[in-house]
C-alpha atoms as a PDB file:
ATOM      1  CA  MET A   1      44.598 143.715  62.251  1.00  0.00           C
ATOM      2  CA  GLU A   2      43.500 140.333  63.079  1.00  0.00           C
ATOM      3  CA  THR A   3      46.238 138.127  62.252  1.00  0.00           C
ATOM      4  CA  ASP A   4      48.409 140.704  64.346  1.00  0.00           C
ATOM      5  CA  ARG A   5      46.003 139.768  67.202  1.00  0.00           C
ATOM      6  CA  LYS A   6      45.773 136.391  66.659  1.00  0.00           C
ATOM      7  CA  LEU A   7      49.911 136.203  67.222  1.00  0.00           C
ATOM      8  CA  GLY A   8      50.235 137.959  70.416  1.00  0.00           C
ATOM      9  CA  GLU A   9      47.248 135.632  71.592  1.00  0.00           C
ATOM     10  CA  PHE A  10      49.086 132.386  70.368  1.00  0.00           C
ATOM     11  CA  LEU A  11      52.330 133.795  72.198  1.00  0.00           C
ATOM     12  CA  ARG A  12      50.729 134.679  75.233  1.00  0.00           C
ATOM     13  CA  ALA A  13      49.152 131.476  75.406  1.00  0.00           C
ATOM     14  CA  ARG A  14      52.292 129.686  74.732  1.00  0.00           C
ATOM     15  CA  ARG A  15      54.265 131.367  77.487  1.00  0.00           C
ATOM     16  CA  GLU A  16      52.000 130.847  79.962  1.00  0.00           C
ATOM     17  CA  LEU A  17      52.314 127.193  79.420  1.00  0.00           C
ATOM     18  CA  THR A  18      56.040 126.985  79.110  1.00  0.00           C
ATOM     19  CA  PRO A  19      57.408 126.287  82.892  1.00  0.00           C
ATOM     20  CA  PRO A  20      60.346 127.975  83.524  1.00  0.00           C
ATOM     21  CA  ALA A  21      62.361 124.846  84.636  1.00  0.00           C
ATOM     22  CA  ARG A  22      61.619 123.472  80.929  1.00  0.00           C
ATOM     23  CA  VAL A  23      64.101 126.489  79.676  1.00  0.00           C
ATOM     24  CA  ASP A  24      66.665 125.878  82.605  1.00  0.00           C
ATOM     25  CA  LEU A  25      65.151 129.231  84.677  1.00  0.00           C
ATOM     26  CA  PRO A  26      64.465 129.083  88.420  1.00  0.00           C
ATOM     27  CA  ASP A  27      61.461 129.437  89.504  1.00  0.00           C
ATOM     28  CA  ALA A  28      61.887 132.238  92.044  1.00  0.00           C
ATOM     29  CA  GLY A  29      59.404 134.980  92.896  1.00  0.00           C
ATOM     30  CA  SER A  30      55.783 135.190  92.805  1.00  0.00           C
ATOM     31  CA  ARG A  31      54.275 135.184  89.674  1.00  0.00           C
ATOM     32  CA  ARG A  32      51.076 136.704  88.817  1.00  0.00           C
ATOM     33  CA  THR A  33      50.834 134.501  85.947  1.00  0.00           C
ATOM     34  CA  PRO A  34      51.462 130.587  85.235  1.00  0.00           C
ATOM     35  CA  GLY A  35      54.727 130.121  82.912  1.00  0.00           C
ATOM     36  CA  LEU A  36      57.128 132.429  81.908  1.00  0.00           C
ATOM     37  CA  ARG A  37      57.704 136.125  82.179  1.00  0.00           C
ATOM     38  CA  ARG A  38      57.951 138.423  79.413  1.00  0.00           C
ATOM     39  CA  GLU A  39      61.273 139.762  79.757  1.00  0.00           C
ATOM     40  CA  GLU A  40      62.183 136.076  80.427  1.00  0.00           C
ATOM     41  CA  VAL A  41      60.759 135.070  77.003  1.00  0.00           C
ATOM     42  CA  ALA A  42      63.123 138.106  75.322  1.00  0.00           C
ATOM     43  CA  MET A  43      66.005 137.189  76.784  1.00  0.00           C
ATOM     44  CA  LEU A  44      65.736 133.796  75.663  1.00  0.00           C
ATOM     45  CA  ILE A  45      65.322 134.795  72.107  1.00  0.00           C
ATOM     46  CA  GLY A  46      67.686 137.535  72.198  1.00  0.00           C
ATOM     47  CA  VAL A  47      65.301 140.569  71.873  1.00  0.00           C
ATOM     48  CA  SER A  48      64.331 143.623  73.824  1.00  0.00           C
ATOM     49  CA  THR A  49      61.261 142.946  76.618  1.00  0.00           C
ATOM     50  CA  ASP A  50      59.480 145.983  74.437  1.00  0.00           C
ATOM     51  CA  TYR A  51      60.569 144.446  71.459  1.00  0.00           C
ATOM     52  CA  TYR A  52      58.653 140.999  72.884  1.00  0.00           C
ATOM     53  CA  VAL A  53      56.091 143.154  74.182  1.00  0.00           C
ATOM     54  CA  ARG A  54      54.859 144.834  71.182  1.00  0.00           C
ATOM     55  CA  LEU A  55      54.983 141.207  69.519  1.00  0.00           C
ATOM     56  CA  GLU A  56      52.124 140.329  72.078  1.00  0.00           C
ATOM     57  CA  GLN A  57      50.013 143.552  71.692  1.00  0.00           C
ATOM     58  CA  GLY A  58      50.213 142.929  67.856  1.00  0.00           C
ATOM     59  CA  ARG A  59      52.218 146.549  67.208  1.00  0.00           C
ATOM     60  CA  GLU A  60      55.268 144.368  66.195  1.00  0.00           C
ATOM     61  CA  ARG A  61      53.882 142.924  62.624  1.00  0.00           C
ATOM     62  CA  ASN A  62      57.288 141.541  60.903  1.00  0.00           C
ATOM     63  CA  PRO A  63      59.262 139.372  63.091  1.00  0.00           C
ATOM     64  CA  SER A  64      62.431 137.966  61.500  1.00  0.00           C
ATOM     65  CA  ASP A  65      62.963 134.175  60.798  1.00  0.00           C
ATOM     66  CA  GLN A  66      65.961 134.254  63.405  1.00  0.00           C
ATOM     67  CA  VAL A  67      62.829 135.334  66.112  1.00  0.00           C
ATOM     68  CA  ILE A  68      60.648 133.047  64.970  1.00  0.00           C
ATOM     69  CA  ALA A  69      62.937 129.590  64.992  1.00  0.00           C
ATOM     70  CA  ALA A  70      63.946 131.055  68.596  1.00  0.00           C
ATOM     71  CA  LEU A  71      60.459 131.540  69.531  1.00  0.00           C
ATOM     72  CA  THR A  72      59.747 127.882  68.204  1.00  0.00           C
ATOM     73  CA  GLU A  73      62.706 126.329  70.422  1.00  0.00           C
ATOM     74  CA  VAL A  74      61.654 128.297  73.582  1.00  0.00           C
ATOM     75  CA  PHE A  75      57.906 126.956  73.055  1.00  0.00           C
ATOM     76  CA  THR A  76      58.817 123.471  72.355  1.00  0.00           C
ATOM     77  CA  LEU A  77      56.535 123.914  69.109  1.00  0.00           C
ATOM     78  CA  GLY A  78      55.514 120.722  66.950  1.00  0.00           C
ATOM     79  CA  ALA A  79      55.677 120.728  63.367  1.00  0.00           C
ATOM     80  CA  ASP A  80      51.759 121.465  63.111  1.00  0.00           C
ATOM     81  CA  ALA A  81      52.685 124.214  65.541  1.00  0.00           C
ATOM     82  CA  VAL A  82      55.458 126.176  63.858  1.00  0.00           C
ATOM     83  CA  ALA A  83      53.521 126.011  60.476  1.00  0.00           C
ATOM     84  CA  HIS A  84      50.929 127.601  62.447  1.00  0.00           C
ATOM     85  CA  LEU A  85      53.100 130.340  64.118  1.00  0.00           C
ATOM     86  CA  TYR A  86      54.795 131.111  60.505  1.00  0.00           C
ATOM     87  CA  ALA A  87      51.144 131.578  59.152  1.00  0.00           C
ATOM     88  CA  LEU A  88      49.886 134.276  61.591  1.00  0.00           C
ATOM     89  CA  ALA A  89      53.360 135.765  61.436  1.00  0.00           C
ATOM     90  CA  ARG A  90      53.678 136.669  57.860  1.00  0.00           C
ATOM     91  CA  GLY A  91      51.614 133.579  55.721  1.00  0.00           C
ATOM     92  CA  PRO A  92      52.949 129.890  55.544  1.00  0.00           C
ATOM     93  CA  SER A  93      55.893 128.902  56.384  1.00  0.00           C
ATOM     94  CA  PRO A  94      58.745 127.814  53.335  1.00  0.00           C
ATOM     95  CA  ALA A  95      59.157 124.555  54.231  1.00  0.00           C
ATOM     96  CA  ASP A  96      54.524 124.135  54.120  1.00  0.00           C
ATOM     97  CA  PRO A  97      53.486 126.627  51.247  1.00  0.00           C
ATOM     98  CA  ASP A  98      50.132 125.134  52.005  1.00  0.00           C
ATOM     99  CA  PRO A  99      49.788 124.138  55.537  1.00  0.00           C
ATOM    100  CA  CYS A 100      46.021 124.777  55.658  1.00  0.00           C
ATOM    101  CA  PRO A 101      43.495 124.001  52.775  1.00  0.00           C
ATOM    102  CA  PRO A 102      41.497 126.839  51.413  1.00  0.00           C
ATOM    103  CA  GLU A 103      37.903 127.667  51.655  1.00  0.00           C
ATOM    104  CA  GLY A 104      36.693 125.532  48.851  1.00  0.00           C
ATOM    105  CA  ALA A 105      38.289 121.834  50.162  1.00  0.00           C
ATOM    106  CA  THR A 106      36.164 119.393  48.596  1.00  0.00           C
ATOM    107  CA  ASP A 107      33.758 117.257  50.895  1.00  0.00           C
ATOM    108  CA  GLU A 108      33.388 114.559  48.456  1.00  0.00           C
ATOM    109  CA  VAL A 109      35.010 111.544  49.306  1.00  0.00           C
ATOM    110  CA  SER A 110      36.659 109.199  46.729  1.00  0.00           C
ATOM    111  CA  PRO A 111      34.004 106.086  46.219  1.00  0.00           C
ATOM    112  CA  HIS A 112      37.395 104.048  45.543  1.00  0.00           C
ATOM    113  CA  LEU A 113      37.918 105.136  49.357  1.00  0.00           C
ATOM    114  CA  ILE A 114      34.802 104.101  50.615  1.00  0.00           C
ATOM    115  CA  ARG A 115      34.729 101.152  48.818  1.00  0.00           C
ATOM    116  CA  LEU A 116      38.025 100.206  50.538  1.00  0.00           C
ATOM    117  CA  MET A 117      37.051 101.370  53.774  1.00  0.00           C
ATOM    118  CA  ASP A 118      33.735  99.034  53.512  1.00  0.00           C
ATOM    119  CA  SER A 119      35.966  96.333  52.972  1.00  0.00           C
ATOM    120  CA  TRP A 120      37.052  96.137  56.852  1.00  0.00           C
ATOM    121  CA  PRO A 121      34.803  94.415  58.605  1.00  0.00           C
ATOM    122  CA  ARG A 122      36.492  95.045  61.754  1.00  0.00           C
ATOM    123  CA  THR A 123      38.393  98.056  61.748  1.00  0.00           C
ATOM    124  CA  PRO A 124      35.869 100.777  62.414  1.00  0.00           C
ATOM    125  CA  ALA A 125      37.093 103.842  59.294  1.00  0.00           C
ATOM    126  CA  PHE A 126      35.462 107.250  58.412  1.00  0.00           C
ATOM    127  CA  VAL A 127      36.564 110.571  56.802  1.00  0.00           C
ATOM    128  CA  ILE A 128      36.565 114.284  58.283  1.00  0.00           C
ATOM    129  CA  ASN A 129      36.652 117.726  56.934  1.00  0.00           C
ATOM    130  CA  GLN A 130      38.398 120.373  58.567  1.00  0.00           C
ATOM    131  CA  CYS A 131      35.388 121.612  60.086  1.00  0.00           C
ATOM    132  CA  MET A 132      35.512 117.980  62.224  1.00  0.00           C
ATOM    133  CA  GLU A 133      32.397 116.940  60.670  1.00  0.00           C
ATOM    134  CA  THR A 134      31.719 113.464  59.138  1.00  0.00           C
ATOM    135  CA  LEU A 135      32.165 112.743  55.530  1.00  0.00           C
ATOM    136  CA  ALA A 136      32.224 109.335  55.496  1.00  0.00           C
ATOM    137  CA  LEU A 137      31.954 106.106  57.640  1.00  0.00           C
ATOM    138  CA  ASN A 138      32.099 102.397  56.914  1.00  0.00           C
ATOM    139  CA  PRO A 139      29.623 100.275  58.454  1.00  0.00           C
ATOM    140  CA  SER A 140      31.973  98.777  61.175  1.00  0.00           C
ATOM    141  CA  ALA A 141      32.185 102.790  62.791  1.00  0.00           C
ATOM    142  CA  THR A 142      28.550 103.174  62.085  1.00  0.00           C
ATOM    143  CA  ALA A 143      28.466 100.124  64.728  1.00  0.00           C
ATOM    144  CA  PHE A 144      30.692 100.867  67.137  1.00  0.00           C
ATOM    145  CA  TYR A 145      29.446 104.504  67.459  1.00  0.00           C
ATOM    146  CA  GLU A 146      25.745 103.971  67.310  1.00  0.00           C
ATOM    147  CA  ARG A 147      26.583 101.084  70.116  1.00  0.00           C
ATOM    148  CA  GLY A 148      29.058 104.042  72.115  1.00  0.00           C
ATOM    149  CA  LEU A 149      26.579 107.271  71.553  1.00  0.00           C
ATOM    150  CA  ARG A 150      23.608 105.028  71.378  1.00  0.00           C
ATOM    151  CA  ARG A 151      22.284 107.229  68.274  1.00  0.00           C
ATOM    152  CA  LYS A 152      23.360 106.245  64.539  1.00  0.00           C
ATOM    153  CA  PRO A 153      26.155 108.388  63.642  1.00  0.00           C
ATOM    154  CA  LYS A 154      25.514 110.182  60.266  1.00  0.00           C
ATOM    155  CA  ILE A 155      27.085 112.305  57.546  1.00  0.00           C
ATOM    156  CA  GLY A 156      27.392 115.754  57.984  1.00  0.00           C
ATOM    157  CA  ASN A 157      27.937 115.042  62.152  1.00  0.00           C
ATOM    158  CA  ASN A 158      30.146 117.304  63.763  1.00  0.00           C
ATOM    159  CA  THR A 159      32.979 115.218  65.839  1.00  0.00           C
ATOM    160  CA  LEU A 160      33.752 118.323  67.528  1.00  0.00           C
ATOM    161  CA  ARG A 161      30.242 119.635  68.747  1.00  0.00           C
ATOM    162  CA  ALA A 162      29.828 115.965  69.970  1.00  0.00           C
ATOM    163  CA  MET A 163      32.703 115.478  71.649  1.00  0.00           C
ATOM    164  CA  PHE A 164      31.780 118.907  74.248  1.00  0.00           C
ATOM    165  CA  LEU A 165      28.069 119.093  73.981  1.00  0.00           C
ATOM    166  CA  ASP A 166      26.830 115.396  74.232  1.00  0.00           C
ATOM    167  CA  PRO A 167      27.082 113.650  77.749  1.00  0.00           C
ATOM    168  CA  VAL A 168      27.022 110.818  76.271  1.00  0.00           C
ATOM    169  CA  ALA A 169      30.447 111.047  75.101  1.00  0.00           C
ATOM    170  CA  ARG A 170      31.928 111.876  78.194  1.00  0.00           C
ATOM    171  CA  GLU A 171      30.741 108.442  79.349  1.00  0.00           C
ATOM    172  CA  PHE A 172      32.183 106.674  75.824  1.00  0.00           C
ATOM    173  CA  TYR A 173      35.600 108.238  75.828  1.00  0.00           C
ATOM    174  CA  ALA A 174      37.461 106.915  79.545  1.00  0.00           C
ATOM    175  CA  ASP A 175      40.112 109.528  78.396  1.00  0.00           C
ATOM    176  CA  TRP A 176      37.806 112.383  77.808  1.00  0.00           C
ATOM    177  CA  GLU A 177      39.752 115.302  78.658  1.00  0.00           C
ATOM    178  CA  SER A 178      43.232 113.911  77.145  1.00  0.00           C
ATOM    179  CA  THR A 179      40.932 112.770  73.505  1.00  0.00           C
ATOM    180  CA  ALA A 180      38.799 116.391  73.725  1.00  0.00           C
ATOM    181  CA  ARG A 181      42.221 118.471  73.940  1.00  0.00           C
ATOM    182  CA  ALA A 182      43.451 116.305  71.218  1.00  0.00           C
ATOM    183  CA  LYS A 183      40.536 117.126  69.155  1.00  0.00           C
ATOM    184  CA  VAL A 184      40.549 121.184  69.644  1.00  0.00           C
ATOM    185  CA  ALA A 185      44.794 120.919  68.667  1.00  0.00           C
ATOM    186  CA  HIS A 186      44.177 119.056  65.800  1.00  0.00           C
ATOM    187  CA  PHE A 187      40.668 121.285  64.776  1.00  0.00           C
ATOM    188  CA  ARG A 188      43.038 124.201  65.162  1.00  0.00           C
ATOM    189  CA  ALA A 189      45.814 122.696  62.831  1.00  0.00           C
ATOM    190  CA  THR A 190      43.376 122.051  60.337  1.00  0.00           C
ATOM    191  CA  ALA A 191      40.706 125.272  60.396  1.00  0.00           C
ATOM    192  CA  GLY A 192      42.502 127.535  62.821  1.00  0.00           C
ATOM    193  CA  ARG A 193      43.997 130.108  60.294  1.00  0.00           C
ATOM    194  CA  ASN A 194      40.506 130.216  58.505  1.00  0.00           C
ATOM    195  CA  LEU A 195      38.361 131.473  60.936  1.00  0.00           C
ATOM    196  CA  HIS A 196      37.162 134.178  58.709  1.00  0.00           C
ATOM    197  CA  ASP A 197      35.155 131.007  56.799  1.00  0.00           C
ATOM    198  CA  PRO A 198      31.846 131.314  58.691  1.00  0.00           C
ATOM    199  CA  ARG A 199      31.640 126.871  59.343  1.00  0.00           C
ATOM    200  CA  VAL A 200      34.494 127.716  61.683  1.00  0.00           C
ATOM    201  CA  SER A 201      34.197 131.011  63.466  1.00  0.00           C
ATOM    202  CA  GLU A 202      30.242 129.586  63.863  1.00  0.00           C
ATOM    203  CA  LEU A 203      31.511 126.507  65.684  1.00  0.00           C
ATOM    204  CA  VAL A 204      34.305 128.348  67.760  1.00  0.00           C
ATOM    205  CA  ASP A 205      31.604 130.594  68.834  1.00  0.00           C
ATOM    206  CA  GLU A 206      29.314 128.185  69.802  1.00  0.00           C
ATOM    207  CA  LEU A 207      31.125 125.902  71.538  1.00  0.00           C
ATOM    208  CA  THR A 208      32.426 129.119  73.305  1.00  0.00           C
ATOM    209  CA  ASP A 209      29.423 129.699  74.446  1.00  0.00           C
ATOM    210  CA  LEU A 210      28.176 126.403  75.546  1.00  0.00           C
ATOM    211  CA  SER A 211      31.283 125.030  77.000  1.00  0.00           C
ATOM    212  CA  PRO A 212      34.269 126.033  79.476  1.00  0.00           C
ATOM    213  CA  GLU A 213      36.282 123.097  78.378  1.00  0.00           C
ATOM    214  CA  PHE A 214      36.369 123.677  74.669  1.00  0.00           C
ATOM    215  CA  ARG A 215      37.133 127.408  75.850  1.00  0.00           C
ATOM    216  CA  ASP A 216      40.137 126.707  78.167  1.00  0.00           C
ATOM    217  CA  ALA A 217      41.437 124.246  75.531  1.00  0.00           C
ATOM    218  CA  TRP A 218      40.964 126.759  72.623  1.00  0.00           C
ATOM    219  CA  ALA A 219      42.590 129.627  74.903  1.00  0.00           C
ATOM    220  CA  ARG A 220      45.646 127.202  75.114  1.00  0.00           C
ATOM    221  CA  TYR A 221      46.261 127.452  71.625  1.00  0.00           C
ATOM    222  CA  ASP A 222      47.341 123.980  71.152  1.00  0.00           C
ATOM    223  CA  VAL A 223      48.647 123.345  67.265  1.00  0.00           C
ATOM    224  CA  GLN A 224      48.678 119.622  66.533  1.00  0.00           C
ATOM    225  CA  ILE A 225      47.235 117.410  63.840  1.00  0.00           C
ATOM    226  CA  GLU A 226      46.074 114.266  65.864  1.00  0.00           C
ATOM    227  CA  PRO A 227      48.866 111.311  65.883  1.00  0.00           C
ATOM    228  CA  GLY A 228      48.365 108.065  66.211  1.00  0.00           C
ATOM    229  CA  ARG A 229      47.906 106.879  69.829  1.00  0.00           C
ATOM    230  CA  LEU A 230      46.072 104.939  72.009  1.00  0.00           C
ATOM    231  CA  ARG A 231      42.268 105.643  72.909  1.00  0.00           C
ATOM    232  CA  ARG A 232      40.182 103.869  75.601  1.00  0.00           C
ATOM    233  CA  PHE A 233      36.598 103.378  75.624  1.00  0.00           C
ATOM    234  CA  ARG A 234      34.099 102.215  78.217  1.00  0.00           C
ATOM    235  CA  HIS A 235      30.638 100.719  77.330  1.00  0.00           C
ATOM    236  CA  GLU A 236      28.321  98.291  79.611  1.00  0.00           C
ATOM    237  CA  LEU A 237      28.097  95.399  76.479  1.00  0.00           C
ATOM    238  CA  VAL A 238      31.618  95.122  76.740  1.00  0.00           C
ATOM    239  CA  GLY A 239      33.615  96.720  79.278  1.00  0.00           C
ATOM    240  CA  GLU A 240      36.271  98.733  78.716  1.00  0.00           C
ATOM    241  CA  LEU A 241      38.343  98.504  75.584  1.00  0.00           C
ATOM    242  CA  THR A 242      41.438 100.062  74.179  1.00  0.00           C
ATOM    243  CA  VAL A 243      41.926 101.016  70.342  1.00  0.00           C
ATOM    244  CA  ILE A 244      44.767 102.208  68.300  1.00  0.00           C
ATOM    245  CA  THR A 245      43.740 105.165  66.315  1.00  0.00           C
ATOM    246  CA  GLU A 246      45.617 106.011  63.012  1.00  0.00           C
ATOM    247  CA  VAL A 247      45.178 109.453  61.341  1.00  0.00           C
ATOM    248  CA  PHE A 248      45.889 109.606  57.575  1.00  0.00           C
ATOM    249  CA  SER A 249      46.080 113.163  55.168  1.00  0.00           C
ATOM    250  CA  LEU A 250      44.252 112.317  52.078  1.00  0.00           C
ATOM    251  CA  ALA A 251      46.121 112.857  49.071  1.00  0.00           C
ATOM    252  CA  GLY A 252      44.081 114.630  46.796  1.00  0.00           C
ATOM    253  CA  ALA A 253      41.644 116.431  49.128  1.00  0.00           C
ATOM    254  CA  PRO A 254      42.981 119.016  50.745  1.00  0.00           C
ATOM    255  CA  GLY A 255      41.396 119.138  54.564  1.00  0.00           C
ATOM    256  CA  GLN A 256      40.330 115.395  54.742  1.00  0.00           C
ATOM    257  CA  HIS A 257      41.503 112.649  56.986  1.00  0.00           C
ATOM    258  CA  LEU A 258      41.244 109.404  57.352  1.00  0.00           C
ATOM    259  CA  ILE A 259      40.651 107.808  61.133  1.00  0.00           C
ATOM    260  CA  THR A 260      41.011 103.667  61.719  1.00  0.00           C
ATOM    261  CA  PHE A 261      40.247 101.957  64.910  1.00  0.00           C
ATOM    262  CA  GLN A 262      42.476  98.649  66.135  1.00  0.00           C
ATOM    263  CA  ALA A 263      42.045  96.879  68.629  1.00  0.00           C
ATOM    264  CA  GLY A 264      44.725  96.907  71.521  1.00  0.00           C
ATOM    265  CA  HIS A 265      47.072  94.131  72.004  1.00  0.00           C
ATOM    266  CA  ASP A 266      45.096  92.489  74.780  1.00  0.00           C
ATOM    267  CA  ARG A 267      42.493  89.932  74.151  1.00  0.00           C
ATOM    268  CA  HIS A 268      39.490  91.549  75.799  1.00  0.00           C
ATOM    269  CA  SER A 269      39.843  94.589  73.355  1.00  0.00           C
ATOM    270  CA  ALA A 270      40.097  92.462  70.106  1.00  0.00           C
ATOM    271  CA  GLU A 271      36.661  90.491  71.236  1.00  0.00           C
ATOM    272  CA  ALA A 272      35.284  94.291  72.432  1.00  0.00           C
ATOM    273  CA  LEU A 273      36.040  95.574  69.230  1.00  0.00           C
ATOM    274  CA  GLU A 274      34.255  92.450  67.600  1.00  0.00           C
ATOM    275  CA  GLU A 275      31.356  92.839  69.309  1.00  0.00           C
ATOM    276  CA  MET A 276      30.617  96.688  69.306  1.00  0.00           C
ATOM    277  CA  CYS A 277      31.362  96.652  65.311  1.00  0.00           C
ATOM    278  CA  ARG A 278      28.768  93.964  64.464  1.00  0.00           C
ATOM    279  CA  GLU A 279      25.917  95.346  63.090  1.00  0.00           C
ATOM    280  CA  VAL A 280      23.438  96.719  64.962  1.00  0.00           C
ATOM    281  CA  THR A 281      19.916  95.004  64.766  1.00  0.00           C
END
């Protein structure tokens, strides 16, 4: 079954990303792959090595709640990754009965939200769906990205595709690598269990073929709705600036997220953001 294979891939990826020191094991002897050995994970979660191997190979299809809880502790999974693991193992977790929106999630943005966004002249704001497609932008966001990416952003543009395939994005995002990985983790959290959706599977296939960086990030199985964070941009007009990003899930609009930018705490970033948000003529 496809779900069994995905569960095994998830466990293997997280095992290889977990250093022995994190679980108080000595890093002794040669290791063919980074991270923990299968027998070490089995010991830590209290099962036989053969049982854990069957999990990774997709031959064990019904791990208990105790085993899943132990895996989340060993791999130090966050809430989004835990929900993803539960869904791979047996469907949505009890604490999060609908963590991933259905295929019919709406792409229509509330006109009241659009009016609110348009009232923020110095706060770039935009809405994306679970496929990372832009559904709405306010004038500040349009001007910011038009200057930064040297083209006017359009409704329907895919932000994940632009991040990995647009060479200008690598210049505009001063912390491109960490931002790109965060976007992949966000995408897997919102759409990673809807791989049967053609929009999702086709995007994954395209980026896997065209971007080695995406291929590596996707294989890590990081799962996390992008949190609020500091993000750095650079542009020839203003130099480098720091912005504070916030990501909000929209009640009543499954799969939609509102993303806002505010200037960092330094005066230069405040002045630079204001300059970047001026309407492009």
